[in-house]
Amino acid sequence: MAEPFLLPSQTFAPAYMALHRRGELQRRADTAVAQLQSCHVCPRDCGVDRLAGETAVCKIGRYAWVSSYFPHFGEEDCLRGWRGSGTIFFAMCNLRCVFCQNYDISQCKTGAEATPLRLAEMMLELQEMGCHNINFVTPEHVVPQILEALPIAVEAGLRLPLVYNTSAYDSLESLHLLDGIVDIYMPDFKMWDKKLSLRYLKAKDYPAAAREALREMHRQVGVLKLDERGLARRGVLVRHLVMPGDVAGTAAIMR
């Protein structure tokens, strides 16, 4: 394996540790939570007061909803390893993909509300189970809630790398708050054409938002780097679903 793509496990430390030591992690959390008052957490820019319990497209108010959490063995090899990826599935979504494979999670608000303390406890439970990382699935609309829980978890002993498992429909403002916190970005670049994005995702601005998001993710963490055991430690891992009739615009995305 080429040296630039190797991060030895003995010297690796999660990105958020340095920010936590100097108090920046808590400051980021406070800044993120303030976004909820006139919500501009994602590109929808709904402007509702989620701190007061108001909801809009994602139907999530003050606290995140978690559908389920468990060691997941269905992810890429470099994430699941031999003990699983510590996956937290957030309920609801800021997109409305007609082909969603997790419709019951993304559109039906399954699971239960999770306070910052409860979300931190989930991370620590997954670490105790031996998972290789903490994998936030569909986090775009709950970035403030994740950041609010993180200092609690770190103070209690969380030491696993963080995976941001996203549709790529993220705001640059939220991504800037995650700079130096997330170790591995795993965006799913869904579609290239804005008209088709409006038809199939209900978001005409998706392609432009996703392109900007991927550039920012790469700026923060660079190419994917593994340790000597083949586990992902830092970088960007892009997913793409090839669809019938080239609806997704695969050739353009690959370029």
C-alpha atoms as a PDB file:
ATOM      1  CA  MET A   1       0.000   0.000   0.000  1.00  0.00           C
ATOM      2  CA  ALA A   2       1.357   3.418  -0.945  1.00  0.00           C
ATOM      3  CA  GLU A   3       2.468   5.431   2.077  1.00  0.00           C
ATOM      4  CA  PRO A   4       0.266   8.511   1.328  1.00  0.00           C
ATOM      5  CA  PHE A   5      -2.827   6.325   1.732  1.00  0.00           C
ATOM      6  CA  LEU A   6      -1.804   4.728   5.027  1.00  0.00           C
ATOM      7  CA  LEU A   7      -2.577   5.999   8.527  1.00  0.00           C
ATOM      8  CA  PRO A   8      -1.015   3.632  11.087  1.00  0.00           C
ATOM      9  CA  SER A   9      -3.492   2.624  13.777  1.00  0.00           C
ATOM     10  CA  GLN A  10      -0.932   3.212  16.541  1.00  0.00           C
ATOM     11  CA  THR A  11      -0.671   6.927  15.768  1.00  0.00           C
ATOM     12  CA  PHE A  12      -4.263   7.627  14.714  1.00  0.00           C
ATOM     13  CA  ALA A  13      -6.501   9.839  16.851  1.00  0.00           C
ATOM     14  CA  PRO A  14     -10.025  10.995  15.937  1.00  0.00           C
ATOM     15  CA  ALA A  15     -10.075  14.517  14.549  1.00  0.00           C
ATOM     16  CA  TYR A  16     -12.434  15.843  17.212  1.00  0.00           C
ATOM     17  CA  MET A  17     -10.033  15.188  20.103  1.00  0.00           C
ATOM     18  CA  ALA A  18      -7.896  18.262  19.418  1.00  0.00           C
ATOM     19  CA  LEU A  19     -10.957  20.514  19.207  1.00  0.00           C
ATOM     20  CA  HIS A  20     -12.366  19.085  22.423  1.00  0.00           C
ATOM     21  CA  ARG A  21      -9.159  19.745  24.356  1.00  0.00           C
ATOM     22  CA  ARG A  22      -9.278  23.458  23.584  1.00  0.00           C
ATOM     23  CA  GLY A  23     -13.034  23.897  24.030  1.00  0.00           C
ATOM     24  CA  GLU A  24     -13.756  24.421  20.340  1.00  0.00           C
ATOM     25  CA  LEU A  25     -15.979  21.349  20.092  1.00  0.00           C
ATOM     26  CA  GLN A  26     -18.449  22.835  22.559  1.00  0.00           C
ATOM     27  CA  ARG A  27     -18.344  26.212  20.807  1.00  0.00           C
ATOM     28  CA  ARG A  28     -19.174  24.530  17.483  1.00  0.00           C
ATOM     29  CA  ALA A  29     -22.080  22.738  19.134  1.00  0.00           C
ATOM     30  CA  ASP A  30     -23.455  25.991  20.539  1.00  0.00           C
ATOM     31  CA  THR A  31     -23.168  27.688  17.136  1.00  0.00           C
ATOM     32  CA  ALA A  32     -24.902  24.780  15.414  1.00  0.00           C
ATOM     33  CA  VAL A  33     -27.813  24.651  17.860  1.00  0.00           C
ATOM     34  CA  ALA A  34     -28.408  28.372  17.310  1.00  0.00           C
ATOM     35  CA  GLN A  35     -29.052  27.549  13.620  1.00  0.00           C
ATOM     36  CA  LEU A  36     -32.224  25.750  14.661  1.00  0.00           C
ATOM     37  CA  GLN A  37     -33.962  28.960  15.724  1.00  0.00           C
ATOM     38  CA  SER A  38     -34.417  29.994  12.093  1.00  0.00           C
ATOM     39  CA  CYS A  39     -33.400  26.746  10.493  1.00  0.00           C
ATOM     40  CA  HIS A  40     -30.728  26.862   7.816  1.00  0.00           C
ATOM     41  CA  VAL A  41     -29.079  23.565   8.715  1.00  0.00           C
ATOM     42  CA  CYS A  42     -29.436  22.161   5.175  1.00  0.00           C
ATOM     43  CA  PRO A  43     -29.948  23.623   1.672  1.00  0.00           C
ATOM     44  CA  ARG A  44     -33.737  23.686   2.167  1.00  0.00           C
ATOM     45  CA  ASP A  45     -33.202  26.795   4.330  1.00  0.00           C
ATOM     46  CA  CYS A  46     -36.722  26.439   5.765  1.00  0.00           C
ATOM     47  CA  GLY A  47     -36.391  29.173   8.391  1.00  0.00           C
ATOM     48  CA  VAL A  48     -38.685  27.541  10.972  1.00  0.00           C
ATOM     49  CA  ASP A  49     -37.954  27.719  14.710  1.00  0.00           C
ATOM     50  CA  ARG A  50     -37.004  24.149  15.513  1.00  0.00           C
ATOM     51  CA  LEU A  51     -35.942  25.167  19.028  1.00  0.00           C
ATOM     52  CA  ALA A  52     -39.629  25.886  19.643  1.00  0.00           C
ATOM     53  CA  GLY A  53     -40.668  22.571  18.096  1.00  0.00           C
ATOM     54  CA  GLU A  54     -41.634  23.883  14.663  1.00  0.00           C
ATOM     55  CA  THR A  55     -40.973  21.556  11.718  1.00  0.00           C
ATOM     56  CA  ALA A  56     -40.820  21.782   7.934  1.00  0.00           C
ATOM     57  CA  VAL A  57     -39.526  19.428   5.223  1.00  0.00           C
ATOM     58  CA  CYS A  58     -37.588  17.049   7.474  1.00  0.00           C
ATOM     59  CA  LYS A  59     -40.346  17.027  10.149  1.00  0.00           C
ATOM     60  CA  ILE A  60     -37.752  17.040  12.937  1.00  0.00           C
ATOM     61  CA  GLY A  61     -37.935  19.695  15.639  1.00  0.00           C
ATOM     62  CA  ARG A  62     -35.654  20.348  18.602  1.00  0.00           C
ATOM     63  CA  TYR A  63     -34.273  16.834  19.066  1.00  0.00           C
ATOM     64  CA  ALA A  64     -33.136  14.176  16.633  1.00  0.00           C
ATOM     65  CA  TRP A  65     -35.105  10.982  16.149  1.00  0.00           C
ATOM     66  CA  VAL A  66     -33.171   7.720  15.952  1.00  0.00           C
ATOM     67  CA  SER A  67     -34.761   4.826  14.105  1.00  0.00           C
ATOM     68  CA  SER A  68     -32.179   2.273  15.256  1.00  0.00           C
ATOM     69  CA  TYR A  69     -28.519   1.824  16.141  1.00  0.00           C
ATOM     70  CA  PHE A  70     -26.381  -1.303  15.982  1.00  0.00           C
ATOM     71  CA  PRO A  71     -23.102  -2.776  14.665  1.00  0.00           C
ATOM     72  CA  HIS A  72     -23.753  -2.787  10.911  1.00  0.00           C
ATOM     73  CA  PHE A  73     -22.060  -5.374   8.681  1.00  0.00           C
ATOM     74  CA  GLY A  74     -23.631  -4.194   5.415  1.00  0.00           C
ATOM     75  CA  GLU A  75     -21.251  -1.284   4.819  1.00  0.00           C
ATOM     76  CA  GLU A  76     -18.069  -1.280   2.744  1.00  0.00           C
ATOM     77  CA  ASP A  77     -15.318  -3.594   3.986  1.00  0.00           C
ATOM     78  CA  CYS A  78     -13.118  -0.718   5.126  1.00  0.00           C
ATOM     79  CA  LEU A  79     -15.893   0.512   7.439  1.00  0.00           C
ATOM     80  CA  ARG A  80     -17.447  -2.687   8.761  1.00  0.00           C
ATOM     81  CA  GLY A  81     -14.156  -4.517   9.367  1.00  0.00           C
ATOM     82  CA  TRP A  82     -14.709  -7.597  11.507  1.00  0.00           C
ATOM     83  CA  ARG A  83     -16.678  -5.964  14.364  1.00  0.00           C
ATOM     84  CA  GLY A  84     -19.090  -3.805  12.399  1.00  0.00           C
ATOM     85  CA  SER A  85     -19.648  -0.117  11.804  1.00  0.00           C
ATOM     86  CA  GLY A  86     -21.406   1.548  14.744  1.00  0.00           C
ATOM     87  CA  THR A  87     -24.365   2.808  12.773  1.00  0.00           C
ATOM     88  CA  ILE A  88     -26.947   5.307  14.018  1.00  0.00           C
ATOM     89  CA  PHE A  89     -29.897   5.585  11.626  1.00  0.00           C
ATOM     90  CA  PHE A  90     -31.590   8.976  11.965  1.00  0.00           C
ATOM     91  CA  ALA A  91     -35.287   9.132  11.130  1.00  0.00           C
ATOM     92  CA  MET A  92     -36.610  11.447   8.405  1.00  0.00           C
ATOM     93  CA  CYS A  93     -34.678  13.179   5.622  1.00  0.00           C
ATOM     94  CA  ASN A  94     -34.380  16.461   3.735  1.00  0.00           C
ATOM     95  CA  LEU A  95     -34.893  14.702   0.372  1.00  0.00           C
ATOM     96  CA  ARG A  96     -37.902  12.856  -1.054  1.00  0.00           C
ATOM     97  CA  CYS A  97     -36.254  10.248  -3.286  1.00  0.00           C
ATOM     98  CA  VAL A  98     -38.892   8.165  -5.065  1.00  0.00           C
ATOM     99  CA  PHE A  99     -36.500   5.192  -5.098  1.00  0.00           C
ATOM    100  CA  CYS A 100     -35.503   5.335  -1.406  1.00  0.00           C
ATOM    101  CA  GLN A 101     -34.576   1.894  -0.083  1.00  0.00           C
ATOM    102  CA  ASN A 102     -35.120   3.056   3.512  1.00  0.00           C
ATOM    103  CA  TYR A 103     -38.508   4.725   3.043  1.00  0.00           C
ATOM    104  CA  ASP A 104     -39.819   3.511   6.392  1.00  0.00           C
ATOM    105  CA  ILE A 105     -36.921   5.313   8.097  1.00  0.00           C
ATOM    106  CA  SER A 106     -36.561   8.405   5.913  1.00  0.00           C
ATOM    107  CA  GLN A 107     -40.252   9.310   5.631  1.00  0.00           C
ATOM    108  CA  CYS A 108     -42.128   7.637   8.490  1.00  0.00           C
ATOM    109  CA  LYS A 109     -40.411   8.890  11.669  1.00  0.00           C
ATOM    110  CA  THR A 110     -39.818   5.469  13.159  1.00  0.00           C
ATOM    111  CA  GLY A 111     -37.905   5.027  16.403  1.00  0.00           C
ATOM    112  CA  ALA A 112     -37.781   7.545  19.220  1.00  0.00           C
ATOM    113  CA  GLU A 113     -36.634  11.037  20.094  1.00  0.00           C
ATOM    114  CA  ALA A 114     -33.035  11.217  21.285  1.00  0.00           C
ATOM    115  CA  THR A 115     -31.828  13.935  23.640  1.00  0.00           C
ATOM    116  CA  PRO A 116     -28.129  14.899  23.478  1.00  0.00           C
ATOM    117  CA  LEU A 117     -27.427  12.649  26.463  1.00  0.00           C
ATOM    118  CA  ARG A 118     -29.239   9.689  24.900  1.00  0.00           C
ATOM    119  CA  LEU A 119     -27.441  10.172  21.581  1.00  0.00           C
ATOM    120  CA  ALA A 120     -24.104  10.288  23.408  1.00  0.00           C
ATOM    121  CA  GLU A 121     -25.034   7.081  25.231  1.00  0.00           C
ATOM    122  CA  MET A 122     -25.714   5.374  21.900  1.00  0.00           C
ATOM    123  CA  MET A 123     -22.239   6.278  20.645  1.00  0.00           C
ATOM    124  CA  LEU A 124     -20.646   4.927  23.804  1.00  0.00           C
ATOM    125  CA  GLU A 125     -22.700   1.710  23.655  1.00  0.00           C
ATOM    126  CA  LEU A 126     -21.536   1.099  20.086  1.00  0.00           C
ATOM    127  CA  GLN A 127     -17.942   1.696  21.144  1.00  0.00           C
ATOM    128  CA  GLU A 128     -18.397  -0.758  24.021  1.00  0.00           C
ATOM    129  CA  MET A 129     -19.692  -3.342  21.511  1.00  0.00           C
ATOM    130  CA  GLY A 130     -16.354  -3.110  19.703  1.00  0.00           C
ATOM    131  CA  CYS A 131     -17.437  -1.213  16.588  1.00  0.00           C
ATOM    132  CA  HIS A 132     -14.678   0.342  14.493  1.00  0.00           C
ATOM    133  CA  ASN A 133     -16.363   3.732  14.037  1.00  0.00           C
ATOM    134  CA  ILE A 134     -19.511   5.753  14.684  1.00  0.00           C
ATOM    135  CA  ASN A 135     -21.525   5.976  11.469  1.00  0.00           C
ATOM    136  CA  PHE A 136     -24.188   8.709  11.271  1.00  0.00           C
ATOM    137  CA  VAL A 137     -26.705   7.767   8.553  1.00  0.00           C
ATOM    138  CA  THR A 138     -28.882  10.546   7.060  1.00  0.00           C
ATOM    139  CA  PRO A 139     -27.413  13.262   9.301  1.00  0.00           C
ATOM    140  CA  GLU A 140     -27.947  16.303   7.058  1.00  0.00           C
ATOM    141  CA  HIS A 141     -30.927  17.677   9.024  1.00  0.00           C
ATOM    142  CA  VAL A 142     -29.577  16.896  12.513  1.00  0.00           C
ATOM    143  CA  VAL A 143     -26.011  18.246  12.426  1.00  0.00           C
ATOM    144  CA  PRO A 144     -26.686  20.521  15.445  1.00  0.00           C
ATOM    145  CA  GLN A 145     -28.071  17.628  17.473  1.00  0.00           C
ATOM    146  CA  ILE A 146     -25.044  15.466  16.651  1.00  0.00           C
ATOM    147  CA  LEU A 147     -22.635  18.231  17.610  1.00  0.00           C
ATOM    148  CA  GLU A 148     -24.577  18.887  20.818  1.00  0.00           C
ATOM    149  CA  ALA A 149     -24.188  15.237  21.867  1.00  0.00           C
ATOM    150  CA  LEU A 150     -20.560  14.844  20.859  1.00  0.00           C
ATOM    151  CA  PRO A 151     -18.844  16.737  23.735  1.00  0.00           C
ATOM    152  CA  ILE A 152     -20.847  14.642  26.202  1.00  0.00           C
ATOM    153  CA  ALA A 153     -19.710  11.430  24.510  1.00  0.00           C
ATOM    154  CA  VAL A 154     -16.074  12.517  24.217  1.00  0.00           C
ATOM    155  CA  GLU A 155     -15.949  13.590  27.857  1.00  0.00           C
ATOM    156  CA  ALA A 156     -17.271  10.128  28.764  1.00  0.00           C
ATOM    157  CA  GLY A 157     -14.581   8.359  26.732  1.00  0.00           C
ATOM    158  CA  LEU A 158     -15.585   8.232  23.058  1.00  0.00           C
ATOM    159  CA  ARG A 159     -12.486   7.628  20.928  1.00  0.00           C
ATOM    160  CA  LEU A 160     -13.815   6.227  17.629  1.00  0.00           C
ATOM    161  CA  PRO A 161     -13.561   7.945  14.222  1.00  0.00           C
ATOM    162  CA  LEU A 162     -16.770   9.538  12.946  1.00  0.00           C
ATOM    163  CA  VAL A 163     -18.372   8.639   9.608  1.00  0.00           C
ATOM    164  CA  TYR A 164     -20.737  11.197   8.056  1.00  0.00           C
ATOM    165  CA  ASN A 165     -22.935   9.022   5.824  1.00  0.00           C
ATOM    166  CA  THR A 166     -24.863  11.531   3.727  1.00  0.00           C
ATOM    167  CA  SER A 167     -26.972  12.079   0.612  1.00  0.00           C
ATOM    168  CA  ALA A 168     -24.625  15.026  -0.117  1.00  0.00           C
ATOM    169  CA  TYR A 169     -27.553  17.447   0.203  1.00  0.00           C
ATOM    170  CA  ASP A 170     -25.633  19.384   2.830  1.00  0.00           C
ATOM    171  CA  SER A 171     -25.170  23.091   3.432  1.00  0.00           C
ATOM    172  CA  LEU A 172     -21.663  24.519   3.373  1.00  0.00           C
ATOM    173  CA  GLU A 173     -22.358  26.210   6.699  1.00  0.00           C
ATOM    174  CA  SER A 174     -23.021  22.870   8.382  1.00  0.00           C
ATOM    175  CA  LEU A 175     -19.987  21.292   6.743  1.00  0.00           C
ATOM    176  CA  HIS A 176     -17.790  24.145   7.970  1.00  0.00           C
ATOM    177  CA  LEU A 177     -18.967  23.389  11.507  1.00  0.00           C
ATOM    178  CA  LEU A 178     -17.916  19.751  10.992  1.00  0.00           C
ATOM    179  CA  ASP A 179     -14.409  20.693   9.819  1.00  0.00           C
ATOM    180  CA  GLY A 180     -11.899  19.024  12.122  1.00  0.00           C
ATOM    181  CA  ILE A 181     -14.617  16.852  13.679  1.00  0.00           C
ATOM    182  CA  VAL A 182     -15.627  14.315  11.027  1.00  0.00           C
ATOM    183  CA  ASP A 183     -12.934  11.825  10.017  1.00  0.00           C
ATOM    184  CA  ILE A 184     -14.655  10.073   7.110  1.00  0.00           C
ATOM    185  CA  TYR A 185     -17.207  11.602   4.760  1.00  0.00           C
ATOM    186  CA  MET A 186     -19.306   9.101   2.804  1.00  0.00           C
ATOM    187  CA  PRO A 187     -21.531  11.090   0.407  1.00  0.00           C
ATOM    188  CA  ASP A 188     -23.945   9.423  -1.992  1.00  0.00           C
ATOM    189  CA  PHE A 189     -23.843  11.516  -5.172  1.00  0.00           C
ATOM    190  CA  LYS A 190     -27.308  10.748  -6.529  1.00  0.00           C
ATOM    191  CA  MET A 191     -27.996  12.827  -9.651  1.00  0.00           C
ATOM    192  CA  TRP A 192     -26.311  15.277 -11.997  1.00  0.00           C
ATOM    193  CA  ASP A 193     -29.274  16.899 -13.774  1.00  0.00           C
ATOM    194  CA  LYS A 194     -31.367  19.471 -11.906  1.00  0.00           C
ATOM    195  CA  LYS A 195     -34.610  18.711 -13.766  1.00  0.00           C
ATOM    196  CA  LEU A 196     -34.332  15.021 -12.986  1.00  0.00           C
ATOM    197  CA  SER A 197     -33.371  15.877  -9.409  1.00  0.00           C
ATOM    198  CA  LEU A 198     -36.573  17.857  -9.070  1.00  0.00           C
ATOM    199  CA  ARG A 199     -38.575  14.944 -10.464  1.00  0.00           C
ATOM    200  CA  TYR A 200     -36.957  12.122  -8.511  1.00  0.00           C
ATOM    201  CA  LEU A 201     -35.518  13.801  -5.379  1.00  0.00           C
ATOM    202  CA  LYS A 202     -37.899  16.779  -5.084  1.00  0.00           C
ATOM    203  CA  ALA A 203     -34.855  19.068  -4.928  1.00  0.00           C
ATOM    204  CA  LYS A 204     -33.927  21.012  -8.059  1.00  0.00           C
ATOM    205  CA  ASP A 205     -30.784  22.428  -6.453  1.00  0.00           C
ATOM    206  CA  TYR A 206     -29.443  19.003  -5.445  1.00  0.00           C
ATOM    207  CA  PRO A 207     -26.701  18.714  -8.125  1.00  0.00           C
ATOM    208  CA  ALA A 208     -25.209  22.131  -7.365  1.00  0.00           C
ATOM    209  CA  ALA A 209     -25.420  21.590  -3.604  1.00  0.00           C
ATOM    210  CA  ALA A 210     -23.846  18.137  -3.869  1.00  0.00           C
ATOM    211  CA  ARG A 211     -20.954  19.349  -6.011  1.00  0.00           C
ATOM    212  CA  GLU A 212     -20.177  22.117  -3.531  1.00  0.00           C
ATOM    213  CA  ALA A 213     -20.485  19.703  -0.622  1.00  0.00           C
ATOM    214  CA  LEU A 214     -18.099  17.151  -2.129  1.00  0.00           C
ATOM    215  CA  ARG A 215     -15.493  19.815  -2.816  1.00  0.00           C
ATOM    216  CA  GLU A 216     -15.691  20.980   0.799  1.00  0.00           C
ATOM    217  CA  MET A 217     -15.518  17.434   2.161  1.00  0.00           C
ATOM    218  CA  HIS A 218     -12.414  16.733   0.096  1.00  0.00           C
ATOM    219  CA  ARG A 219     -10.830  19.995   1.215  1.00  0.00           C
ATOM    220  CA  GLN A 220     -11.289  18.952   4.826  1.00  0.00           C
ATOM    221  CA  VAL A 221     -10.150  15.327   4.829  1.00  0.00           C
ATOM    222  CA  GLY A 222      -8.655  14.531   1.395  1.00  0.00           C
ATOM    223  CA  VAL A 223      -8.599  11.121  -0.243  1.00  0.00           C
ATOM    224  CA  LEU A 224      -9.542   8.004   1.692  1.00  0.00           C
ATOM    225  CA  LYS A 225      -6.769   6.654   3.917  1.00  0.00           C
ATOM    226  CA  LEU A 226      -6.696   3.223   5.549  1.00  0.00           C
ATOM    227  CA  ASP A 227      -4.681   1.781   8.391  1.00  0.00           C
ATOM    228  CA  GLU A 228      -2.511  -1.320   8.110  1.00  0.00           C
ATOM    229  CA  ARG A 229      -5.571  -3.502   8.832  1.00  0.00           C
ATOM    230  CA  GLY A 230      -7.558  -2.083   5.926  1.00  0.00           C
ATOM    231  CA  LEU A 231      -9.871   0.042   8.077  1.00  0.00           C
ATOM    232  CA  ALA A 232     -10.816   3.519   6.872  1.00  0.00           C
ATOM    233  CA  ARG A 233      -9.440   6.228   9.116  1.00  0.00           C
ATOM    234  CA  ARG A 234      -9.824   9.516   7.250  1.00  0.00           C
ATOM    235  CA  GLY A 235     -10.926  10.845   3.878  1.00  0.00           C
ATOM    236  CA  VAL A 236     -13.824  10.865   1.425  1.00  0.00           C
ATOM    237  CA  LEU A 237     -15.552   7.723   0.148  1.00  0.00           C
ATOM    238  CA  VAL A 238     -18.079   8.586  -2.583  1.00  0.00           C
ATOM    239  CA  ARG A 239     -20.993   6.283  -3.350  1.00  0.00           C
ATOM    240  CA  HIS A 240     -23.105   6.388  -6.491  1.00  0.00           C
ATOM    241  CA  LEU A 241     -26.180   4.361  -7.472  1.00  0.00           C
ATOM    242  CA  VAL A 242     -26.308   3.569 -11.194  1.00  0.00           C
ATOM    243  CA  MET A 243     -29.938   3.863 -12.314  1.00  0.00           C
ATOM    244  CA  PRO A 244     -31.908   2.662 -15.376  1.00  0.00           C
ATOM    245  CA  GLY A 245     -31.913   4.938 -18.405  1.00  0.00           C
ATOM    246  CA  ASP A 246     -28.928   6.907 -17.079  1.00  0.00           C
ATOM    247  CA  VAL A 247     -31.319   8.930 -14.925  1.00  0.00           C
ATOM    248  CA  ALA A 248     -28.508   9.563 -12.447  1.00  0.00           C
ATOM    249  CA  GLY A 249     -26.071  10.952 -15.040  1.00  0.00           C
ATOM    250  CA  THR A 250     -23.385   8.479 -14.048  1.00  0.00           C
ATOM    251  CA  ALA A 251     -20.852   9.420 -16.738  1.00  0.00           C
ATOM    252  CA  ALA A 252     -20.927  13.096 -15.747  1.00  0.00           C
ATOM    253  CA  ILE A 253     -20.611  12.252 -12.057  1.00  0.00           C
ATOM    254  CA  MET A 254     -17.653   9.946 -12.671  1.00  0.00           C
ATOM    255  CA  ARG A 255     -15.853  12.683 -14.596  1.00  0.00           C
END
